């Protein structure tokens, strides 16, 4: 991604009060063209029975990653079968800085935007010096 892909007004990210403006990718399984046009976060080409997951998007989440927990907003949700026939529920996430990420549904907690942990994680991601300041 380069900086020309982002809205110059906001850098593509969000804060705890403006996340609802993020555009979800719903109603279809994403293609590489969707990802390249920045309509979708990910496209999987080597899975079976891909389907969109019917859920309200965008959706605030806390992503449990190797380095700890991160605030994000899910904007894409798909289910795919892997080579072993196991179902994988996959989310396309937008992080507060505007970067995209991909996570398994089992690695996130769906939260409300009033969740104090989510709000604190968003604030710390945007301005690390503002952690726990009210």
N, C-alpha and C. Protein backbone atom coordinates (compact mmCIF):
# COMPACT_ATOMS: atom_id res chain seq x y z
N UNK A 1 0.84 -1.18 0.00
CA UNK A 1 0.00 0.00 0.00
C UNK A 1 0.88 1.24 0.00
N UNK A 2 0.40 2.24 -0.67
CA UNK A 2 1.14 3.49 -0.59
C UNK A 2 0.21 4.58 -0.10
N UNK A 3 0.79 5.73 0.25
CA UNK A 3 -0.02 6.77 0.87
C UNK A 3 -1.08 7.32 -0.05
N UNK A 4 -0.95 7.13 -1.37
CA UNK A 4 -1.96 7.61 -2.29
C UNK A 4 -3.26 6.82 -2.19
N UNK A 5 -3.22 5.63 -1.58
CA UNK A 5 -4.41 4.82 -1.42
C UNK A 5 -5.33 5.33 -0.32
N UNK A 6 -4.85 6.20 0.54
CA UNK A 6 -5.61 6.63 1.69
C UNK A 6 -6.28 7.98 1.45
N UNK A 7 -7.39 8.18 2.13
CA UNK A 7 -8.04 9.47 2.14
C UNK A 7 -7.11 10.44 2.87
N UNK A 8 -6.68 11.52 2.22
CA UNK A 8 -5.73 12.42 2.86
C UNK A 8 -6.28 13.08 4.13
N UNK A 9 -7.60 13.10 4.27
CA UNK A 9 -8.20 13.71 5.45
C UNK A 9 -7.96 12.87 6.70
N UNK A 10 -7.94 11.53 6.56
CA UNK A 10 -7.87 10.70 7.76
C UNK A 10 -6.81 9.61 7.72
N UNK A 11 -6.09 9.47 6.62
CA UNK A 11 -5.05 8.46 6.54
C UNK A 11 -5.60 7.04 6.47
N UNK A 12 -6.91 6.88 6.34
CA UNK A 12 -7.50 5.55 6.22
C UNK A 12 -7.82 4.90 7.54
N UNK A 13 -7.45 5.52 8.64
CA UNK A 13 -7.68 4.92 9.95
C UNK A 13 -8.97 5.40 10.58
N UNK A 14 -9.07 5.19 11.88
CA UNK A 14 -10.27 5.59 12.60
C UNK A 14 -9.91 5.89 14.04
N UNK A 15 -10.85 6.54 14.74
CA UNK A 15 -10.72 6.67 16.18
C UNK A 15 -11.99 6.08 16.79
N UNK A 16 -12.09 6.14 18.10
CA UNK A 16 -13.19 5.46 18.81
C UNK A 16 -14.55 6.05 18.49
N UNK A 17 -14.59 7.23 17.88
CA UNK A 17 -15.87 7.86 17.60
C UNK A 17 -16.23 7.94 16.12
N UNK A 18 -15.31 7.61 15.22
CA UNK A 18 -15.65 7.72 13.79
C UNK A 18 -15.49 6.42 13.01
N UNK A 19 -15.41 5.29 13.70
CA UNK A 19 -15.21 3.99 13.04
C UNK A 19 -16.39 3.59 12.15
N UNK A 20 -17.59 4.12 12.41
CA UNK A 20 -18.76 3.69 11.65
C UNK A 20 -18.71 4.12 10.20
N UNK A 21 -17.83 5.05 9.85
CA UNK A 21 -17.72 5.48 8.46
C UNK A 21 -16.93 4.50 7.60
N UNK A 22 -16.27 3.52 8.23
CA UNK A 22 -15.53 2.52 7.45
C UNK A 22 -16.50 1.73 6.60
N UNK A 23 -16.15 1.51 5.35
CA UNK A 23 -17.04 0.84 4.42
C UNK A 23 -16.83 -0.68 4.47
N UNK A 24 -17.88 -1.43 4.82
CA UNK A 24 -17.74 -2.88 4.86
C UNK A 24 -17.82 -3.49 3.47
N UNK A 25 -17.26 -4.68 3.34
CA UNK A 25 -17.39 -5.47 2.12
C UNK A 25 -18.34 -6.62 2.47
N UNK A 26 -19.57 -6.57 1.98
CA UNK A 26 -20.58 -7.55 2.35
C UNK A 26 -21.31 -8.08 1.12
N UNK A 27 -21.94 -9.24 1.30
CA UNK A 27 -22.81 -9.79 0.26
C UNK A 27 -22.12 -10.57 -0.83
N UNK A 28 -20.81 -10.69 -0.78
CA UNK A 28 -20.07 -11.42 -1.80
C UNK A 28 -18.74 -11.88 -1.23
N UNK A 29 -18.11 -12.81 -1.91
CA UNK A 29 -16.76 -13.24 -1.56
C UNK A 29 -15.79 -12.36 -2.35
N UNK A 30 -14.81 -11.81 -1.68
CA UNK A 30 -13.89 -10.88 -2.31
C UNK A 30 -12.97 -11.56 -3.32
N UNK A 31 -12.64 -10.80 -4.35
CA UNK A 31 -11.69 -11.23 -5.37
C UNK A 31 -10.42 -10.39 -5.24
N UNK A 32 -9.39 -10.79 -5.95
CA UNK A 32 -8.15 -10.02 -5.96
C UNK A 32 -8.42 -8.59 -6.45
N UNK A 33 -9.32 -8.45 -7.43
CA UNK A 33 -9.67 -7.11 -7.92
C UNK A 33 -10.25 -6.26 -6.80
N UNK A 34 -11.09 -6.86 -5.94
CA UNK A 34 -11.67 -6.11 -4.81
C UNK A 34 -10.58 -5.62 -3.86
N UNK A 35 -9.59 -6.48 -3.61
CA UNK A 35 -8.49 -6.10 -2.71
C UNK A 35 -7.65 -5.00 -3.35
N UNK A 36 -7.33 -5.16 -4.62
CA UNK A 36 -6.50 -4.15 -5.28
C UNK A 36 -7.21 -2.80 -5.37
N UNK A 37 -8.54 -2.82 -5.45
CA UNK A 37 -9.31 -1.58 -5.49
C UNK A 37 -9.62 -1.06 -4.08
N UNK A 38 -9.13 -1.76 -3.06
CA UNK A 38 -9.31 -1.40 -1.65
C UNK A 38 -10.77 -1.44 -1.22
N UNK A 39 -11.58 -2.29 -1.88
CA UNK A 39 -12.96 -2.52 -1.44
C UNK A 39 -12.98 -3.61 -0.36
N UNK A 40 -11.97 -4.49 -0.39
CA UNK A 40 -11.88 -5.62 0.54
C UNK A 40 -10.47 -5.69 1.10
N UNK A 41 -10.34 -6.36 2.26
CA UNK A 41 -9.04 -6.50 2.91
C UNK A 41 -8.29 -7.71 2.38
N UNK A 42 -9.02 -8.82 2.10
CA UNK A 42 -8.35 -10.04 1.67
C UNK A 42 -9.18 -10.77 0.61
N UNK A 43 -8.50 -11.64 -0.13
CA UNK A 43 -9.15 -12.56 -1.06
C UNK A 43 -8.40 -13.88 -0.99
N UNK A 44 -9.12 -14.96 -0.79
CA UNK A 44 -8.52 -16.29 -0.75
C UNK A 44 -8.88 -17.03 -2.03
N UNK A 45 -7.86 -17.50 -2.74
CA UNK A 45 -8.12 -18.19 -3.99
C UNK A 45 -8.01 -19.69 -3.90
N UNK A 46 -7.44 -20.21 -2.81
CA UNK A 46 -7.16 -21.65 -2.74
C UNK A 46 -7.98 -22.35 -1.65
N UNK A 47 -9.25 -21.95 -1.52
CA UNK A 47 -10.11 -22.59 -0.53
C UNK A 47 -11.39 -23.07 -1.22
N UNK A 48 -12.14 -23.89 -0.50
CA UNK A 48 -13.38 -24.42 -1.05
C UNK A 48 -14.58 -23.78 -0.37
N UNK A 49 -15.69 -23.75 -1.09
CA UNK A 49 -16.98 -23.29 -0.59
C UNK A 49 -16.91 -21.94 0.12
N UNK A 50 -16.31 -20.93 -0.52
CA UNK A 50 -16.25 -19.62 0.13
C UNK A 50 -17.64 -18.96 0.16
N UNK A 51 -17.97 -18.37 1.31
CA UNK A 51 -19.24 -17.67 1.47
C UNK A 51 -19.06 -16.48 2.39
N UNK A 52 -19.82 -15.41 2.15
CA UNK A 52 -19.80 -14.32 3.12
C UNK A 52 -20.50 -14.77 4.40
N UNK A 53 -20.03 -14.28 5.54
CA UNK A 53 -20.68 -14.54 6.82
C UNK A 53 -21.68 -13.42 7.05
N UNK A 54 -22.96 -13.76 7.25
CA UNK A 54 -23.94 -12.69 7.49
C UNK A 54 -23.78 -12.12 8.90
N UNK A 55 -23.22 -10.95 8.98
CA UNK A 55 -23.09 -10.26 10.27
C UNK A 55 -23.08 -8.77 10.01
N UNK A 56 -23.44 -8.01 11.03
CA UNK A 56 -23.45 -6.56 10.89
C UNK A 56 -22.01 -6.05 10.84
N UNK A 57 -21.68 -5.35 9.77
CA UNK A 57 -20.36 -4.77 9.60
C UNK A 57 -20.54 -3.30 9.26
N UNK A 58 -19.63 -2.42 9.62
CA UNK A 58 -18.41 -2.68 10.39
C UNK A 58 -18.73 -3.05 11.84
N UNK A 59 -17.78 -3.77 12.46
CA UNK A 59 -17.95 -4.31 13.81
C UNK A 59 -16.67 -4.11 14.60
N UNK A 60 -16.72 -3.37 15.72
CA UNK A 60 -15.52 -3.25 16.57
C UNK A 60 -15.12 -4.61 17.14
N UNK A 61 -13.82 -4.86 17.17
CA UNK A 61 -13.31 -6.12 17.73
C UNK A 61 -12.04 -5.84 18.52
N UNK A 62 -11.75 -6.75 19.44
CA UNK A 62 -10.44 -6.81 20.08
C UNK A 62 -9.78 -8.05 19.53
N UNK A 63 -8.64 -7.85 18.87
CA UNK A 63 -7.92 -8.94 18.20
C UNK A 63 -6.82 -9.42 19.14
N UNK A 64 -6.88 -10.70 19.47
CA UNK A 64 -5.86 -11.31 20.32
C UNK A 64 -4.75 -11.82 19.41
N UNK A 65 -3.67 -11.04 19.34
CA UNK A 65 -2.56 -11.32 18.45
C UNK A 65 -1.37 -11.77 19.28
N UNK A 66 -0.32 -12.26 18.62
CA UNK A 66 0.86 -12.74 19.33
C UNK A 66 1.45 -11.71 20.28
N UNK A 67 1.40 -10.45 19.91
CA UNK A 67 1.99 -9.39 20.72
C UNK A 67 1.03 -8.82 21.76
N UNK A 68 -0.15 -9.40 21.90
CA UNK A 68 -1.13 -8.87 22.85
C UNK A 68 -2.43 -8.56 22.15
N UNK A 69 -3.21 -7.66 22.73
CA UNK A 69 -4.51 -7.34 22.16
C UNK A 69 -4.44 -6.03 21.40
N UNK A 70 -5.17 -5.98 20.29
CA UNK A 70 -5.23 -4.79 19.45
C UNK A 70 -6.69 -4.46 19.17
N UNK A 71 -6.99 -3.18 19.10
CA UNK A 71 -8.31 -2.74 18.67
C UNK A 71 -8.34 -2.75 17.15
N UNK A 72 -9.48 -3.14 16.61
CA UNK A 72 -9.67 -3.13 15.16
C UNK A 72 -11.16 -3.02 14.88
N UNK A 73 -11.48 -2.85 13.60
CA UNK A 73 -12.86 -2.89 13.15
C UNK A 73 -12.93 -3.90 12.01
N UNK A 74 -13.80 -4.90 12.17
CA UNK A 74 -14.01 -5.89 11.11
C UNK A 74 -14.87 -5.26 10.03
N UNK A 75 -14.41 -5.35 8.78
CA UNK A 75 -15.14 -4.79 7.65
C UNK A 75 -15.46 -5.86 6.60
N UNK A 76 -14.99 -7.09 6.84
CA UNK A 76 -15.19 -8.18 5.89
C UNK A 76 -15.25 -9.47 6.69
N UNK A 77 -16.16 -10.38 6.34
CA UNK A 77 -16.29 -11.65 7.05
C UNK A 77 -16.66 -12.75 6.05
N UNK A 78 -15.81 -13.77 5.98
CA UNK A 78 -16.04 -14.87 5.04
C UNK A 78 -15.74 -16.19 5.72
N UNK A 79 -16.41 -17.23 5.26
CA UNK A 79 -16.10 -18.58 5.70
C UNK A 79 -15.57 -19.36 4.50
N UNK A 80 -14.53 -20.14 4.74
CA UNK A 80 -13.87 -20.94 3.70
C UNK A 80 -13.57 -22.31 4.27
N UNK A 81 -13.52 -23.31 3.42
CA UNK A 81 -13.06 -24.64 3.82
C UNK A 81 -11.60 -24.77 3.41
N UNK A 82 -10.75 -25.23 4.33
CA UNK A 82 -9.34 -25.42 4.00
C UNK A 82 -9.14 -26.78 3.31
N UNK A 83 -7.91 -27.14 3.03
CA UNK A 83 -7.61 -28.37 2.30
C UNK A 83 -8.10 -29.62 3.03
N UNK A 84 -8.20 -29.54 4.36
CA UNK A 84 -8.67 -30.67 5.16
C UNK A 84 -10.19 -30.66 5.32
N UNK A 85 -10.87 -29.71 4.70
CA UNK A 85 -12.31 -29.63 4.80
C UNK A 85 -12.81 -28.96 6.07
N UNK A 86 -11.91 -28.32 6.83
CA UNK A 86 -12.30 -27.63 8.06
C UNK A 86 -12.73 -26.20 7.72
N UNK A 87 -13.82 -25.76 8.38
CA UNK A 87 -14.31 -24.42 8.16
C UNK A 87 -13.44 -23.40 8.88
N UNK A 88 -13.10 -22.34 8.17
CA UNK A 88 -12.33 -21.23 8.74
C UNK A 88 -13.19 -19.97 8.59
N UNK A 89 -13.46 -19.29 9.70
CA UNK A 89 -14.16 -18.02 9.65
C UNK A 89 -13.11 -16.93 9.72
N UNK A 90 -13.05 -16.13 8.65
CA UNK A 90 -11.96 -15.17 8.48
C UNK A 90 -12.52 -13.76 8.42
N UNK A 91 -11.86 -12.86 9.14
CA UNK A 91 -12.27 -11.46 9.16
C UNK A 91 -11.21 -10.58 8.52
N UNK A 92 -11.65 -9.61 7.77
CA UNK A 92 -10.78 -8.54 7.30
C UNK A 92 -10.92 -7.37 8.26
N UNK A 93 -9.81 -6.94 8.81
CA UNK A 93 -9.81 -5.90 9.84
C UNK A 93 -9.14 -4.63 9.34
N UNK A 94 -9.61 -3.51 9.86
CA UNK A 94 -8.92 -2.23 9.69
C UNK A 94 -8.43 -1.83 11.08
N UNK A 95 -7.14 -1.51 11.17
CA UNK A 95 -6.54 -1.06 12.42
C UNK A 95 -6.67 0.45 12.53
N UNK A 96 -6.54 1.02 13.73
CA UNK A 96 -6.69 2.47 13.89
C UNK A 96 -5.80 3.31 12.97
N UNK A 97 -4.63 2.78 12.59
CA UNK A 97 -3.74 3.54 11.71
C UNK A 97 -4.09 3.40 10.24
N UNK A 98 -5.15 2.62 9.95
CA UNK A 98 -5.58 2.47 8.56
C UNK A 98 -5.05 1.22 7.88
N UNK A 99 -4.14 0.52 8.53
CA UNK A 99 -3.61 -0.71 7.94
C UNK A 99 -4.67 -1.81 7.97
N UNK A 100 -4.60 -2.71 7.01
CA UNK A 100 -5.49 -3.86 6.97
C UNK A 100 -4.81 -5.06 7.60
N UNK A 101 -5.62 -5.97 8.14
CA UNK A 101 -5.10 -7.21 8.73
C UNK A 101 -6.16 -8.29 8.54
N UNK A 102 -5.73 -9.53 8.64
CA UNK A 102 -6.63 -10.67 8.50
C UNK A 102 -6.52 -11.50 9.77
N UNK A 103 -7.67 -11.89 10.33
CA UNK A 103 -7.69 -12.66 11.57
C UNK A 103 -8.77 -13.73 11.48
N UNK A 104 -8.57 -14.80 12.22
CA UNK A 104 -9.60 -15.80 12.36
C UNK A 104 -10.62 -15.31 13.38
N UNK A 105 -11.88 -15.63 13.15
CA UNK A 105 -12.95 -15.22 14.07
C UNK A 105 -12.63 -15.66 15.50
N UNK A 106 -12.01 -16.85 15.65
CA UNK A 106 -11.72 -17.36 16.99
C UNK A 106 -10.66 -16.53 17.72
N UNK A 107 -9.95 -15.66 17.00
CA UNK A 107 -8.91 -14.84 17.61
C UNK A 107 -9.37 -13.42 17.93
N UNK A 108 -10.67 -13.15 17.82
CA UNK A 108 -11.18 -11.82 18.14
C UNK A 108 -12.37 -11.92 19.08
N UNK A 109 -12.57 -10.86 19.83
CA UNK A 109 -13.79 -10.69 20.63
C UNK A 109 -14.59 -9.58 19.97
N UNK A 110 -15.86 -9.86 19.66
CA UNK A 110 -16.74 -8.83 19.14
C UNK A 110 -17.17 -7.96 20.32
N UNK A 111 -17.01 -6.65 20.19
CA UNK A 111 -17.32 -5.74 21.29
C UNK A 111 -18.20 -4.60 20.79
N UNK A 112 -18.74 -3.86 21.71
CA UNK A 112 -19.49 -2.66 21.42
C UNK A 112 -18.50 -1.49 21.44
N UNK A 113 -18.80 -0.42 20.71
CA UNK A 113 -17.86 0.71 20.69
C UNK A 113 -17.80 1.46 22.02
N UNK A 114 -18.62 1.07 22.99
CA UNK A 114 -18.52 1.67 24.33
C UNK A 114 -17.61 0.85 25.24
N UNK A 115 -17.11 -0.28 24.76
CA UNK A 115 -16.24 -1.14 25.57
C UNK A 115 -14.99 -0.34 25.96
N UNK A 116 -14.74 -0.19 27.28
CA UNK A 116 -13.61 0.64 27.71
C UNK A 116 -12.25 0.10 27.27
N UNK A 117 -12.10 -1.22 27.19
CA UNK A 117 -10.82 -1.78 26.74
C UNK A 117 -10.59 -1.45 25.27
N UNK A 118 -11.63 -1.61 24.44
CA UNK A 118 -11.51 -1.29 23.01
C UNK A 118 -11.17 0.18 22.82
N UNK A 119 -11.89 1.05 23.52
CA UNK A 119 -11.65 2.49 23.39
C UNK A 119 -10.23 2.85 23.81
N UNK A 120 -9.75 2.24 24.91
CA UNK A 120 -8.39 2.51 25.37
C UNK A 120 -7.36 2.01 24.36
N UNK A 121 -7.60 0.83 23.78
CA UNK A 121 -6.68 0.29 22.78
C UNK A 121 -6.63 1.18 21.53
N UNK A 122 -7.78 1.70 21.12
CA UNK A 122 -7.82 2.62 19.97
C UNK A 122 -7.02 3.88 20.30
N UNK A 123 -7.26 4.45 21.47
CA UNK A 123 -6.56 5.67 21.87
C UNK A 123 -5.06 5.46 21.92
N UNK A 124 -4.63 4.33 22.51
CA UNK A 124 -3.19 4.05 22.60
C UNK A 124 -2.58 3.81 21.23
N UNK A 125 -3.34 3.22 20.31
CA UNK A 125 -2.81 2.98 18.96
C UNK A 125 -2.61 4.30 18.21
N UNK A 126 -3.51 5.24 18.44
CA UNK A 126 -3.43 6.54 17.76
C UNK A 126 -2.37 7.43 18.40
N UNK A 127 -2.34 7.45 19.74
CA UNK A 127 -1.43 8.33 20.48
C UNK A 127 -0.94 7.58 21.72
N UNK A 128 0.19 6.88 21.60
CA UNK A 128 0.69 6.08 22.73
C UNK A 128 0.87 6.87 24.03
N UNK A 129 1.11 8.17 23.93
CA UNK A 129 1.30 8.98 25.14
C UNK A 129 -0.02 9.25 25.85
N UNK A 130 -1.16 8.94 25.19
CA UNK A 130 -2.48 9.23 25.78
C UNK A 130 -3.03 8.04 26.54
N UNK A 131 -2.28 6.99 26.70
CA UNK A 131 -2.78 5.78 27.35
C UNK A 131 -3.35 6.09 28.73
N UNK A 132 -4.56 5.61 28.94
CA UNK A 132 -5.25 5.72 30.21
C UNK A 132 -5.53 7.16 30.66
N UNK A 133 -5.38 8.13 29.79
CA UNK A 133 -5.75 9.51 30.11
C UNK A 133 -7.23 9.70 29.79
N UNK A 134 -7.96 10.29 30.69
CA UNK A 134 -9.38 10.53 30.42
C UNK A 134 -9.66 12.00 30.27
